[in-house]
Amino acid sequence: MPSCQYQMLTLLLFSAATLATGHSTFLSQRQYDPSSEINCKEISLTQPEWYLYDPSFTIFTGGTTGDVGFAAYNVATNVTFDCYARGVDLALPVNRTEWHNCGIPNTQFSFSELSNSFGLRGSWICNDAPDLTFVANGSVELPEALGCNTEAAQRWCLYGNNAINPALSSPVNIKPFPAWYPRTPYEYPERCVERSDYPTWELHDFVYNHTGNEQSVSLTVINIMNGARQSCLLTTNEAQSRASAHAPRWMDCTGASQPGSEVSGTQIQFDHDYGLLGIRQSWKCHDNVASNDEPDTYTGLGYLVTPLDCTRPVTHNGEGISDASTYTCSLPTRNISGYAAYDFPPRMPHTSYTHSCTMNSINSTGFILQHYEVITDPDKKKPDMATFKVYNPGPGDTYRIQNVTVEGDGLWHKCQGSQDTLPWQLFDCEYLFDPSTSRLGVQFQWYCDDRDPYNAIIFSTNATGKLPSGTSDMATLNISSVSWKSTGSSMKRGPELPWV
């Protein structure tokens, strides 16, 4: 045993209290001060975590009760505290849990010698979110003890430091399943071999053509790992590019690649309804082999969710003068960060992984009205139909609420119009429009599953504002309240998962 560990064990042994029987009692009520929160609300919602320091237990040789404890640190609140108890029953079966109080209020711990597991449960309030109470519960199963020391009929065992990533039960249910973001290195490697741990592709000249029943996708893919360039031309149809079909959407890239580019098996996934674009590809790296050896082959996958820039059917006085089934969509040059084959995520969130849908939704203060159109009935000489384009900064989605009836009664109405369905991202949608005062209100309910794809959250908001004078002038619809609830299941809308 290293000398530092032996010294630690010896020090702990000499300082051990005499073992007691019966119910567990406190050994310490110490809390380390001062504490200073840093983004407590954000950390609590996105990555709650407790660090455990020097977990240990002491037991009489041949006995069944002992002392158990550790020091702990709540990353969100920046508070370090003690969790120690004496007289703990160490012979409990694995399916029984006994909780003991820690040195700060509303926090308890458990220990199982049979499984080498420590548990923590507790609640806290953040200074930057005084109206929210965070309640968490989690456990960690540790490897075998670093070492044990037996002396004076007592056995003392010390474990290594570790961490607990708990599940939240309040203010929202989130299981310990953080969104599986693509790993990004601090400095991008120079060699193809190391770059292959962080697959990245550069997409150029993306064009989606929709002409009646015929559809095509063309793009150029540059493999950043080895520099290979490949042009892709894909012929698709509604069953492959529309969400409602739920068909396999990986399509083989039939375009040519540069001679000797060392890429193969390029596949593209495209879903126009969801703005989903994915790439799956294999490539070779030559910088890790001798000149006569066969280079290693690597495989990666990446995707992005982004709305396309599409041409709109031309209208005149509300009448269409072009075929609505004929349009073209494009996408500026973009990078896709992805995953190496050994790191493919088992399940992906529906909501965009480039930012936190959950965190941004909780912090929402308003929607952005980007465009509106009000059509007046010439016979009735009053507003008849309306279309609103609203940006929701929570999930980062834009909703186009089309062709809804202008009732003018100052009441709430469902958003579905005669020629449009509810946008897939929304769970529910209502609107209020008073043309006499230009007052617009929206009630949105939407999903977030970026923190836990197996346990989606539904957010509900109510926002109102006034239409600007120009139909394309932006205006803020101020949110009066935000509430949320857990569904207890994965999203019932959007692409079928897993996407790989």
Protein backbone atom coordinates (compact mmCIF):
# COMPACT_ATOMS: atom_id res chain seq x y z
CA MET A 1 0.00 0.00 0.00
CA PRO A 2 1.36 3.48 -0.80
CA SER A 3 2.65 5.31 2.26
CA CYS A 4 0.16 8.18 1.91
CA GLN A 5 -2.80 5.74 1.93
CA TYR A 6 -1.32 3.90 4.95
CA GLN A 7 -0.87 7.15 6.82
CA MET A 8 -4.45 8.13 6.02
CA LEU A 9 -5.76 4.77 7.24
CA THR A 10 -3.67 5.01 10.41
CA LEU A 11 -4.91 8.54 11.10
CA LEU A 12 -8.52 7.49 10.57
CA LEU A 13 -8.04 4.45 12.80
CA PHE A 14 -6.67 6.44 15.75
CA SER A 15 -9.47 8.98 15.44
CA ALA A 16 -12.29 6.41 15.28
CA ALA A 17 -14.98 6.62 17.91
CA THR A 18 -16.00 3.60 19.96
CA LEU A 19 -18.65 1.59 18.10
CA ALA A 20 -22.18 1.89 19.36
CA THR A 21 -25.19 -0.31 18.89
CA GLY A 22 -28.78 0.58 18.15
CA HIS A 23 -29.94 3.47 15.98
CA SER A 24 -27.45 5.52 14.00
CA THR A 25 -26.41 8.89 15.38
CA PHE A 26 -24.52 11.91 14.08
CA LEU A 27 -20.77 11.96 14.19
CA SER A 28 -20.58 15.49 12.82
CA GLN A 29 -22.76 18.44 11.87
CA ARG A 30 -20.01 20.38 10.16
CA GLN A 31 -20.67 22.52 7.08
CA TYR A 32 -17.77 24.23 5.39
CA ASP A 33 -18.20 27.98 4.88
CA PRO A 34 -18.30 30.36 3.19
CA SER A 35 -20.21 29.06 0.19
CA SER A 36 -20.59 31.01 -3.03
CA GLU A 37 -22.92 29.78 -5.75
CA ILE A 38 -21.91 29.87 -9.40
CA ASN A 39 -24.79 29.27 -11.83
CA CYS A 40 -26.59 27.19 -9.21
CA LYS A 41 -29.87 27.06 -11.11
CA GLU A 42 -28.26 26.04 -14.39
CA ILE A 43 -26.08 23.34 -12.84
CA SER A 44 -28.99 21.99 -10.77
CA LEU A 45 -31.14 21.58 -13.87
CA THR A 46 -28.54 20.40 -16.33
CA GLN A 47 -25.94 18.43 -14.37
CA PRO A 48 -26.63 18.00 -10.64
CA GLU A 49 -23.70 16.27 -8.97
CA TRP A 50 -22.29 15.40 -5.55
CA TYR A 51 -18.60 14.66 -5.03
CA LEU A 52 -17.68 12.09 -2.35
CA TYR A 53 -14.38 12.37 -0.48
CA ASP A 54 -12.76 9.61 1.63
CA PRO A 55 -15.76 7.26 1.96
CA SER A 56 -14.99 4.77 4.74
CA PHE A 57 -16.48 2.43 7.33
CA THR A 58 -15.30 0.89 10.60
CA ILE A 59 -16.59 -2.39 12.04
CA PHE A 60 -15.72 -4.69 14.94
CA THR A 61 -14.14 -7.91 13.75
CA GLY A 62 -16.99 -10.39 13.49
CA GLY A 63 -19.60 -7.70 14.26
CA THR A 64 -22.49 -6.39 12.17
CA THR A 65 -22.63 -2.70 13.14
CA GLY A 66 -20.16 0.06 12.50
CA ASP A 67 -19.43 3.67 11.65
CA VAL A 68 -19.85 4.96 8.10
CA GLY A 69 -19.15 8.31 6.54
CA PHE A 70 -17.64 10.62 3.97
CA ALA A 71 -17.30 14.29 3.13
CA ALA A 72 -19.49 15.52 0.27
CA TYR A 73 -19.65 18.51 -2.04
CA ASN A 74 -22.74 19.81 -3.86
CA VAL A 75 -21.43 21.25 -7.13
CA ALA A 76 -24.53 23.40 -7.70
CA THR A 77 -24.60 25.14 -4.30
CA ASN A 78 -20.81 25.06 -3.79
CA VAL A 79 -21.38 23.65 -0.29
CA THR A 80 -19.19 20.97 1.31
CA PHE A 81 -20.67 18.96 4.19
CA ASP A 82 -20.14 15.83 6.30
CA CYS A 83 -22.18 12.63 6.21
CA TYR A 84 -21.18 10.42 9.16
CA ALA A 85 -23.17 8.08 11.38
CA ARG A 86 -22.31 5.47 14.03
CA GLY A 87 -24.11 2.31 14.97
CA VAL A 88 -25.08 1.57 11.37
CA ASP A 89 -26.36 -1.92 10.56
CA LEU A 90 -23.82 -3.17 8.01
CA ALA A 91 -25.51 -6.54 7.55
CA LEU A 92 -28.55 -5.20 5.70
CA PRO A 93 -29.47 -7.13 2.54
CA VAL A 94 -28.98 -5.32 -0.77
CA ASN A 95 -32.73 -4.79 -1.23
CA ARG A 96 -33.03 -2.84 2.05
CA THR A 97 -31.94 0.78 2.46
CA GLU A 98 -31.40 2.62 5.74
CA TRP A 99 -31.01 6.41 5.57
CA HIS A 100 -28.93 8.56 7.95
CA ASN A 101 -28.85 12.32 8.36
CA CYS A 102 -25.96 14.37 7.01
CA GLY A 103 -24.56 17.50 8.60
CA ILE A 104 -26.83 19.90 6.66
CA PRO A 105 -30.64 20.02 6.66
CA ASN A 106 -32.74 17.92 4.29
CA THR A 107 -29.85 15.67 3.25
CA GLN A 108 -29.43 11.96 4.02
CA PHE A 109 -27.09 9.15 3.00
CA SER A 110 -27.10 5.36 2.85
CA PHE A 111 -24.46 2.62 2.62
CA SER A 112 -24.44 -1.05 1.63
CA GLU A 113 -21.32 -3.05 2.45
CA LEU A 114 -22.54 -5.97 0.34
CA SER A 115 -22.65 -3.87 -2.85
CA ASN A 116 -20.04 -1.24 -1.87
CA SER A 117 -22.60 1.46 -2.71
CA PHE A 118 -23.22 4.89 -1.20
CA GLY A 119 -26.46 6.82 -1.70
CA LEU A 120 -27.39 10.47 -1.22
CA ARG A 121 -30.73 12.22 -1.27
CA GLY A 122 -31.47 15.81 -0.45
CA SER A 123 -33.02 19.12 -1.38
CA TRP A 124 -31.70 22.65 -1.81
CA ILE A 125 -32.72 26.12 -2.97
CA CYS A 126 -30.52 28.28 -5.17
CA ASN A 127 -29.98 31.97 -4.54
CA ASP A 128 -30.58 32.64 -8.24
CA ALA A 129 -33.84 30.63 -8.21
CA PRO A 130 -35.50 31.19 -4.80
CA ASP A 131 -38.89 29.97 -6.03
CA LEU A 132 -37.60 26.52 -7.02
CA THR A 133 -36.83 23.62 -4.68
CA PHE A 134 -34.47 21.04 -6.13
CA VAL A 135 -34.92 17.48 -4.87
CA ALA A 136 -32.41 14.82 -5.95
CA ASN A 137 -31.64 11.18 -5.20
CA GLY A 138 -28.78 9.03 -6.46
CA SER A 139 -26.20 6.39 -5.62
CA VAL A 140 -22.84 5.10 -6.79
CA GLU A 141 -21.37 1.62 -6.57
CA LEU A 142 -17.66 1.89 -5.76
CA PRO A 143 -14.86 -0.50 -6.63
CA GLU A 144 -13.30 -2.51 -3.84
CA ALA A 145 -11.83 -0.50 -0.98
CA LEU A 146 -8.41 1.06 -1.51
CA GLY A 147 -7.29 -0.73 1.60
CA CYS A 148 -8.37 -1.98 5.00
CA ASN A 149 -6.54 -1.90 8.33
CA THR A 150 -7.36 -4.27 11.18
CA GLU A 151 -6.22 -3.34 14.66
CA ALA A 152 -7.62 -3.64 18.19
CA ALA A 153 -10.47 -5.87 16.99
CA GLN A 154 -11.60 -3.22 14.51
CA ARG A 155 -11.46 -3.19 10.74
CA TRP A 156 -11.32 0.14 8.93
CA CYS A 157 -11.77 0.32 5.15
CA LEU A 158 -11.23 3.36 2.95
CA TYR A 159 -12.66 3.81 -0.57
CA GLY A 160 -11.49 6.11 -3.32
CA ASN A 161 -13.14 9.45 -4.06
CA ASN A 162 -16.07 9.35 -6.47
CA ALA A 163 -19.19 11.23 -7.59
CA ILE A 164 -22.95 10.74 -7.68
CA ASN A 165 -25.02 12.04 -10.60
CA PRO A 166 -28.51 12.03 -9.09
CA ALA A 167 -31.94 12.07 -10.65
CA LEU A 168 -34.10 15.13 -10.04
CA SER A 169 -37.69 14.71 -8.86
CA SER A 170 -38.34 18.44 -8.38
CA PRO A 171 -38.86 20.99 -9.88
CA VAL A 172 -38.95 18.57 -12.82
CA ASN A 173 -38.31 14.85 -13.22
CA ILE A 174 -34.94 14.28 -14.90
CA LYS A 175 -33.18 10.94 -14.73
CA PRO A 176 -29.38 10.81 -14.70
CA PHE A 177 -29.11 10.62 -18.49
CA PRO A 178 -27.34 13.72 -19.76
CA ALA A 179 -27.73 14.50 -23.44
CA TRP A 180 -25.03 12.73 -25.37
CA TYR A 181 -23.32 15.64 -27.06
CA PRO A 182 -20.53 15.11 -29.58
CA ARG A 183 -17.19 15.40 -27.84
CA THR A 184 -15.17 18.46 -28.79
CA PRO A 185 -11.40 18.49 -28.18
CA TYR A 186 -9.75 21.52 -26.62
CA GLU A 187 -7.36 21.62 -29.58
CA TYR A 188 -8.28 19.86 -32.80
CA PRO A 189 -5.65 17.18 -33.58
CA GLU A 190 -3.44 17.41 -36.64
CA ARG A 191 -3.34 13.71 -37.55
CA CYS A 192 -6.20 11.84 -39.19
CA VAL A 193 -5.97 9.09 -36.56
CA GLU A 194 -6.61 11.41 -33.61
CA ARG A 195 -9.20 13.43 -35.53
CA SER A 196 -11.18 10.24 -36.07
CA ASP A 197 -12.09 10.28 -32.37
CA TYR A 198 -14.00 13.53 -33.07
CA PRO A 199 -15.59 13.05 -36.52
CA THR A 200 -16.48 16.26 -38.33
CA TRP A 201 -17.79 16.89 -41.82
CA GLU A 202 -18.15 20.10 -43.79
CA LEU A 203 -21.27 20.32 -45.97
CA HIS A 204 -21.33 22.48 -49.09
CA ASP A 205 -23.90 23.28 -51.78
CA PHE A 206 -26.86 21.54 -50.15
CA VAL A 207 -29.96 21.75 -52.38
CA TYR A 208 -33.31 20.00 -51.97
CA ASN A 209 -35.57 20.06 -55.04
CA HIS A 210 -39.25 19.17 -54.74
CA THR A 211 -41.11 18.96 -58.04
CA GLY A 212 -44.48 17.28 -57.72
CA ASN A 213 -43.81 13.68 -56.72
CA GLU A 214 -40.13 13.88 -57.63
CA GLN A 215 -37.54 14.91 -55.07
CA SER A 216 -33.76 15.07 -55.04
CA VAL A 217 -30.99 16.07 -52.64
CA SER A 218 -27.53 17.16 -53.75
CA LEU A 219 -24.59 18.18 -51.58
CA THR A 220 -20.83 18.02 -51.27
CA VAL A 221 -19.29 16.39 -48.19
CA ILE A 222 -15.74 17.09 -47.02
CA ASN A 223 -14.32 14.61 -44.52
CA ILE A 224 -12.29 16.77 -42.12
CA MET A 225 -10.39 13.75 -40.81
CA ASN A 226 -8.54 12.93 -44.05
CA GLY A 227 -9.64 15.78 -46.33
CA ALA A 228 -11.64 13.61 -48.73
CA ARG A 229 -14.31 15.36 -50.80
CA GLN A 230 -17.39 13.58 -52.14
CA SER A 231 -20.37 14.85 -54.13
CA CYS A 232 -23.71 13.21 -53.43
CA LEU A 233 -26.87 13.08 -55.53
CA LEU A 234 -29.84 11.37 -53.90
CA THR A 235 -33.22 10.60 -55.41
CA THR A 236 -35.83 10.42 -52.70
CA ASN A 237 -39.59 10.45 -52.19
CA GLU A 238 -42.23 11.28 -49.61
CA ALA A 239 -41.71 7.97 -47.81
CA GLN A 240 -38.05 8.80 -47.18
CA SER A 241 -38.14 12.55 -46.57
CA ARG A 242 -41.37 12.96 -44.62
CA ALA A 243 -41.81 12.30 -40.93
CA SER A 244 -45.25 10.73 -41.22
CA ALA A 245 -43.89 7.79 -43.21
CA HIS A 246 -41.57 6.55 -40.43
CA ALA A 247 -39.56 4.66 -43.05
CA PRO A 248 -35.82 3.90 -42.97
CA ARG A 249 -34.25 7.13 -44.14
CA TRP A 250 -30.57 6.32 -44.64
CA MET A 251 -29.83 6.70 -48.35
CA ASP A 252 -26.62 5.68 -50.11
CA CYS A 253 -24.59 8.48 -51.63
CA THR A 254 -24.28 7.71 -55.34
CA GLY A 255 -22.01 10.60 -56.27
CA ALA A 256 -18.36 10.36 -57.17
CA SER A 257 -15.46 11.02 -54.83
CA GLN A 258 -11.94 12.14 -55.57
CA PRO A 259 -9.58 9.35 -56.68
CA GLY A 260 -7.75 7.94 -53.69
CA SER A 261 -9.92 9.89 -51.26
CA GLU A 262 -10.27 6.83 -49.02
CA VAL A 263 -13.94 7.26 -48.07
CA SER A 264 -16.64 4.64 -48.46
CA GLY A 265 -20.14 3.72 -47.41
CA THR A 266 -21.34 7.34 -47.33
CA GLN A 267 -25.01 7.56 -46.37
CA ILE A 268 -27.26 10.58 -45.95
CA GLN A 269 -30.40 10.89 -43.84
CA PHE A 270 -32.73 13.74 -44.67
CA ASP A 271 -36.10 14.60 -43.16
CA HIS A 272 -37.69 17.76 -44.52
CA ASP A 273 -40.44 17.85 -41.89
CA TYR A 274 -38.00 17.89 -38.99
CA GLY A 275 -35.12 19.75 -40.63
CA LEU A 276 -32.98 16.71 -39.84
CA LEU A 277 -29.80 16.06 -41.80
CA GLY A 278 -27.47 13.18 -40.93
CA ILE A 279 -24.32 11.63 -42.37
CA ARG A 280 -22.74 8.22 -41.83
CA GLN A 281 -19.39 7.42 -43.44
CA SER A 282 -16.26 5.24 -43.28
CA TRP A 283 -12.76 6.47 -44.07
CA LYS A 284 -9.10 5.45 -43.91
CA CYS A 285 -6.13 7.07 -42.21
CA HIS A 286 -2.59 6.54 -43.49
CA ASP A 287 -0.65 8.41 -40.83
CA ASN A 288 -0.49 5.52 -38.37
CA VAL A 289 0.86 2.75 -40.61
CA ALA A 290 4.02 1.96 -42.53
CA SER A 291 4.00 2.66 -46.25
CA ASN A 292 3.30 -0.95 -47.22
CA ASP A 293 0.71 -1.72 -44.55
CA GLU A 294 -3.06 -1.55 -44.95
CA PRO A 295 -4.44 1.65 -43.36
CA ASP A 296 -7.00 1.42 -40.59
CA THR A 297 -10.67 2.08 -41.33
CA TYR A 298 -12.81 4.34 -39.15
CA THR A 299 -16.56 4.96 -39.08
CA GLY A 300 -18.51 7.91 -37.77
CA LEU A 301 -21.96 9.42 -37.61
CA GLY A 302 -23.17 12.99 -37.25
CA TYR A 303 -26.39 14.96 -37.57
CA LEU A 304 -27.77 18.45 -37.26
CA VAL A 305 -31.26 19.87 -36.87
CA THR A 306 -31.73 23.13 -38.72
CA PRO A 307 -34.53 24.71 -40.76
CA LEU A 308 -33.89 24.98 -44.48
CA ASP A 309 -34.25 28.16 -46.50
CA CYS A 310 -37.02 27.33 -48.97
CA THR A 311 -38.68 29.23 -51.80
CA ARG A 312 -42.33 29.98 -51.17
CA PRO A 313 -45.17 29.67 -53.70
CA VAL A 314 -45.87 33.07 -55.25
CA THR A 315 -49.22 34.60 -54.34
CA HIS A 316 -51.16 37.59 -55.61
CA ASN A 317 -54.15 38.95 -53.73
CA GLY A 318 -54.25 35.75 -51.76
CA GLU A 319 -54.39 33.58 -54.87
CA GLY A 320 -51.59 31.15 -55.72
CA ILE A 321 -50.00 31.66 -59.13
CA SER A 322 -47.40 28.89 -58.90
CA ASP A 323 -47.47 25.17 -58.14
CA ALA A 324 -47.22 24.77 -54.36
CA SER A 325 -45.67 21.32 -54.82
CA THR A 326 -42.67 22.79 -56.64
CA TYR A 327 -40.05 24.47 -54.51
CA THR A 328 -36.33 24.45 -53.72
CA CYS A 329 -34.56 24.51 -50.35
CA SER A 330 -30.94 25.27 -49.57
CA LEU A 331 -28.58 25.32 -46.62
CA PRO A 332 -25.46 27.47 -46.10
CA THR A 333 -22.11 25.76 -45.63
CA ARG A 334 -22.25 23.99 -42.27
CA ASN A 335 -20.15 21.69 -40.11
CA ILE A 336 -21.58 18.54 -38.58
CA SER A 337 -19.87 17.27 -35.42
CA GLY A 338 -20.43 13.61 -34.75
CA TYR A 339 -19.51 10.40 -33.03
CA ALA A 340 -16.94 7.68 -33.61
CA ALA A 341 -18.32 4.17 -34.13
CA TYR A 342 -17.30 3.07 -30.63
CA ASP A 343 -19.16 6.06 -29.17
CA PHE A 344 -22.52 5.91 -30.98
CA PRO A 345 -25.19 7.10 -28.56
CA PRO A 346 -27.86 4.53 -27.68
CA ARG A 347 -30.66 7.08 -27.93
CA MET A 348 -30.75 10.66 -29.14
CA PRO A 349 -32.97 13.51 -27.98
CA HIS A 350 -35.52 14.92 -30.41
CA THR A 351 -34.84 18.49 -29.38
CA SER A 352 -31.66 20.08 -30.67
CA TYR A 353 -28.48 19.11 -28.87
CA THR A 354 -26.65 22.35 -29.73
CA HIS A 355 -28.20 24.10 -26.73
CA SER A 356 -30.30 23.25 -23.70
CA CYS A 357 -33.99 23.17 -24.57
CA THR A 358 -34.89 22.51 -20.93
CA MET A 359 -32.77 25.26 -19.42
CA ASN A 360 -33.69 27.85 -22.04
CA SER A 361 -37.39 27.03 -21.70
CA ILE A 362 -37.34 27.47 -17.92
CA ASN A 363 -35.64 30.84 -18.42
CA SER A 364 -38.01 31.96 -21.19
CA THR A 365 -39.28 35.54 -20.92
CA GLY A 366 -40.81 36.05 -24.35
CA PHE A 367 -41.44 34.85 -27.90
CA ILE A 368 -40.44 36.73 -31.03
CA LEU A 369 -43.12 37.50 -33.62
CA GLN A 370 -41.13 37.42 -36.86
CA HIS A 371 -43.87 37.87 -39.44
CA TYR A 372 -47.63 38.02 -39.73
CA GLU A 373 -50.26 38.31 -42.42
CA VAL A 374 -53.93 39.24 -42.03
CA ILE A 375 -56.29 38.60 -44.94
CA THR A 376 -59.46 40.68 -45.12
CA ASP A 377 -62.67 39.30 -46.58
CA PRO A 378 -63.74 41.86 -49.25
CA ASP A 379 -67.41 40.99 -48.77
CA LYS A 380 -67.42 41.25 -44.99
CA LYS A 381 -64.81 44.05 -45.00
CA LYS A 382 -63.17 42.69 -41.88
CA PRO A 383 -60.19 40.43 -41.10
CA ASP A 384 -60.97 36.84 -41.98
CA MET A 385 -57.76 34.74 -41.93
CA ALA A 386 -54.34 35.24 -40.34
CA THR A 387 -50.89 33.65 -40.36
CA PHE A 388 -48.27 34.15 -37.65
CA LYS A 389 -44.59 33.14 -37.61
CA VAL A 390 -43.33 32.95 -34.02
CA TYR A 391 -39.84 32.06 -32.74
CA ASN A 392 -39.61 30.20 -29.42
CA PRO A 393 -36.10 30.68 -27.93
CA GLY A 394 -36.64 27.80 -25.47
CA PRO A 395 -36.25 24.89 -27.90
CA GLY A 396 -35.00 27.20 -30.65
CA ASP A 397 -38.00 26.37 -32.86
CA THR A 398 -39.97 28.59 -35.22
CA TYR A 399 -43.71 27.95 -35.54
CA ARG A 400 -45.70 29.00 -38.58
CA ILE A 401 -49.34 29.12 -37.50
CA GLN A 402 -51.09 29.32 -40.85
CA ASN A 403 -54.57 30.26 -42.03
CA VAL A 404 -56.29 30.52 -38.66
CA THR A 405 -59.68 32.15 -38.44
CA VAL A 406 -59.89 35.68 -37.05
CA GLU A 407 -62.82 35.44 -34.64
CA GLY A 408 -62.48 38.90 -33.13
CA ASP A 409 -64.23 37.79 -29.93
CA GLY A 410 -61.23 38.17 -27.61
CA LEU A 411 -61.29 34.46 -26.72
CA TRP A 412 -58.70 31.71 -27.07
CA HIS A 413 -58.95 29.35 -30.06
CA LYS A 414 -57.04 26.29 -31.25
CA CYS A 415 -54.27 27.00 -33.75
CA GLN A 416 -55.16 24.40 -36.37
CA GLY A 417 -56.34 26.07 -39.55
CA SER A 418 -58.33 24.64 -42.41
CA GLN A 419 -55.21 24.23 -44.54
CA ASP A 420 -52.57 23.42 -41.95
CA THR A 421 -51.85 21.09 -39.07
CA LEU A 422 -50.20 21.74 -35.75
CA PRO A 423 -46.39 22.05 -36.05
CA TRP A 424 -44.84 18.77 -34.88
CA GLN A 425 -42.78 20.42 -32.13
CA LEU A 426 -45.90 21.66 -30.33
CA PHE A 427 -47.98 19.60 -27.95
CA ASP A 428 -50.76 22.18 -27.98
CA CYS A 429 -51.32 25.67 -29.34
CA GLU A 430 -53.96 28.36 -28.88
CA TYR A 431 -54.14 31.95 -30.08
CA LEU A 432 -56.03 35.12 -29.28
CA PHE A 433 -56.23 37.95 -31.81
CA ASP A 434 -58.18 41.18 -31.46
CA PRO A 435 -57.90 43.13 -34.75
CA SER A 436 -59.44 46.25 -33.21
CA THR A 437 -56.53 46.66 -30.78
CA SER A 438 -53.88 44.63 -32.68
CA ARG A 439 -53.47 42.50 -29.55
CA LEU A 440 -52.04 39.02 -30.12
CA GLY A 441 -51.75 36.26 -27.57
CA VAL A 442 -50.37 32.73 -27.86
CA GLN A 443 -50.48 29.77 -25.51
CA PHE A 444 -47.84 27.21 -26.44
CA GLN A 445 -47.09 23.79 -25.02
CA TRP A 446 -43.93 22.11 -26.30
CA TYR A 447 -41.64 19.18 -25.60
CA CYS A 448 -38.06 19.18 -24.33
CA ASP A 449 -36.10 15.94 -24.01
CA ASP A 450 -32.50 17.11 -24.27
CA ARG A 451 -31.76 16.23 -20.63
CA ASP A 452 -33.47 12.84 -20.70
CA PRO A 453 -34.71 11.31 -24.00
CA TYR A 454 -36.62 8.65 -22.05
CA ASN A 455 -38.54 11.19 -19.95
CA ALA A 456 -39.74 14.16 -21.99
CA ILE A 457 -40.96 17.39 -20.38
CA ILE A 458 -43.91 19.50 -21.53
CA PHE A 459 -43.59 23.26 -21.04
CA SER A 460 -46.64 25.56 -20.99
CA THR A 461 -46.59 29.32 -21.47
CA ASN A 462 -48.90 32.25 -21.99
CA ALA A 463 -47.60 35.29 -23.90
CA THR A 464 -49.18 38.46 -25.28
CA GLY A 465 -48.11 41.49 -27.26
CA LYS A 466 -49.13 43.97 -29.92
CA LEU A 467 -48.71 43.58 -33.65
CA PRO A 468 -46.16 45.99 -35.14
CA SER A 469 -47.13 48.28 -37.99
CA GLY A 470 -45.03 46.38 -40.53
CA THR A 471 -45.88 42.74 -41.20
CA SER A 472 -42.19 41.80 -41.17
CA ASP A 473 -41.23 43.98 -38.20
CA MET A 474 -40.25 41.88 -35.22
CA ALA A 475 -42.09 42.22 -31.93
CA THR A 476 -41.77 40.56 -28.52
CA LEU A 477 -44.65 38.63 -27.01
CA ASN A 478 -44.00 38.81 -23.28
CA ILE A 479 -44.46 35.60 -21.32
CA SER A 480 -46.55 35.99 -18.17
CA SER A 481 -45.94 32.49 -16.80
CA VAL A 482 -43.96 29.30 -17.47
CA SER A 483 -44.91 25.90 -16.08
CA TRP A 484 -43.78 22.36 -16.82
CA LYS A 485 -44.55 18.73 -16.13
CA SER A 486 -42.83 15.43 -16.82
CA THR A 487 -44.48 12.96 -19.17
CA GLY A 488 -42.73 9.91 -17.77
CA SER A 489 -42.05 8.64 -21.28
CA SER A 490 -40.25 9.58 -24.47
CA MET A 491 -41.73 12.03 -26.96
CA LYS A 492 -44.73 10.86 -28.96
CA ARG A 493 -43.80 13.12 -31.87
CA GLY A 494 -40.80 13.63 -34.05
CA PRO A 495 -38.36 11.20 -35.66
CA GLU A 496 -38.38 7.63 -34.47
CA LEU A 497 -35.44 6.86 -32.20
CA PRO A 498 -32.72 5.76 -32.08
CA TRP A 499 -31.55 7.63 -35.16
CA VAL A 500 -28.49 5.47 -35.76
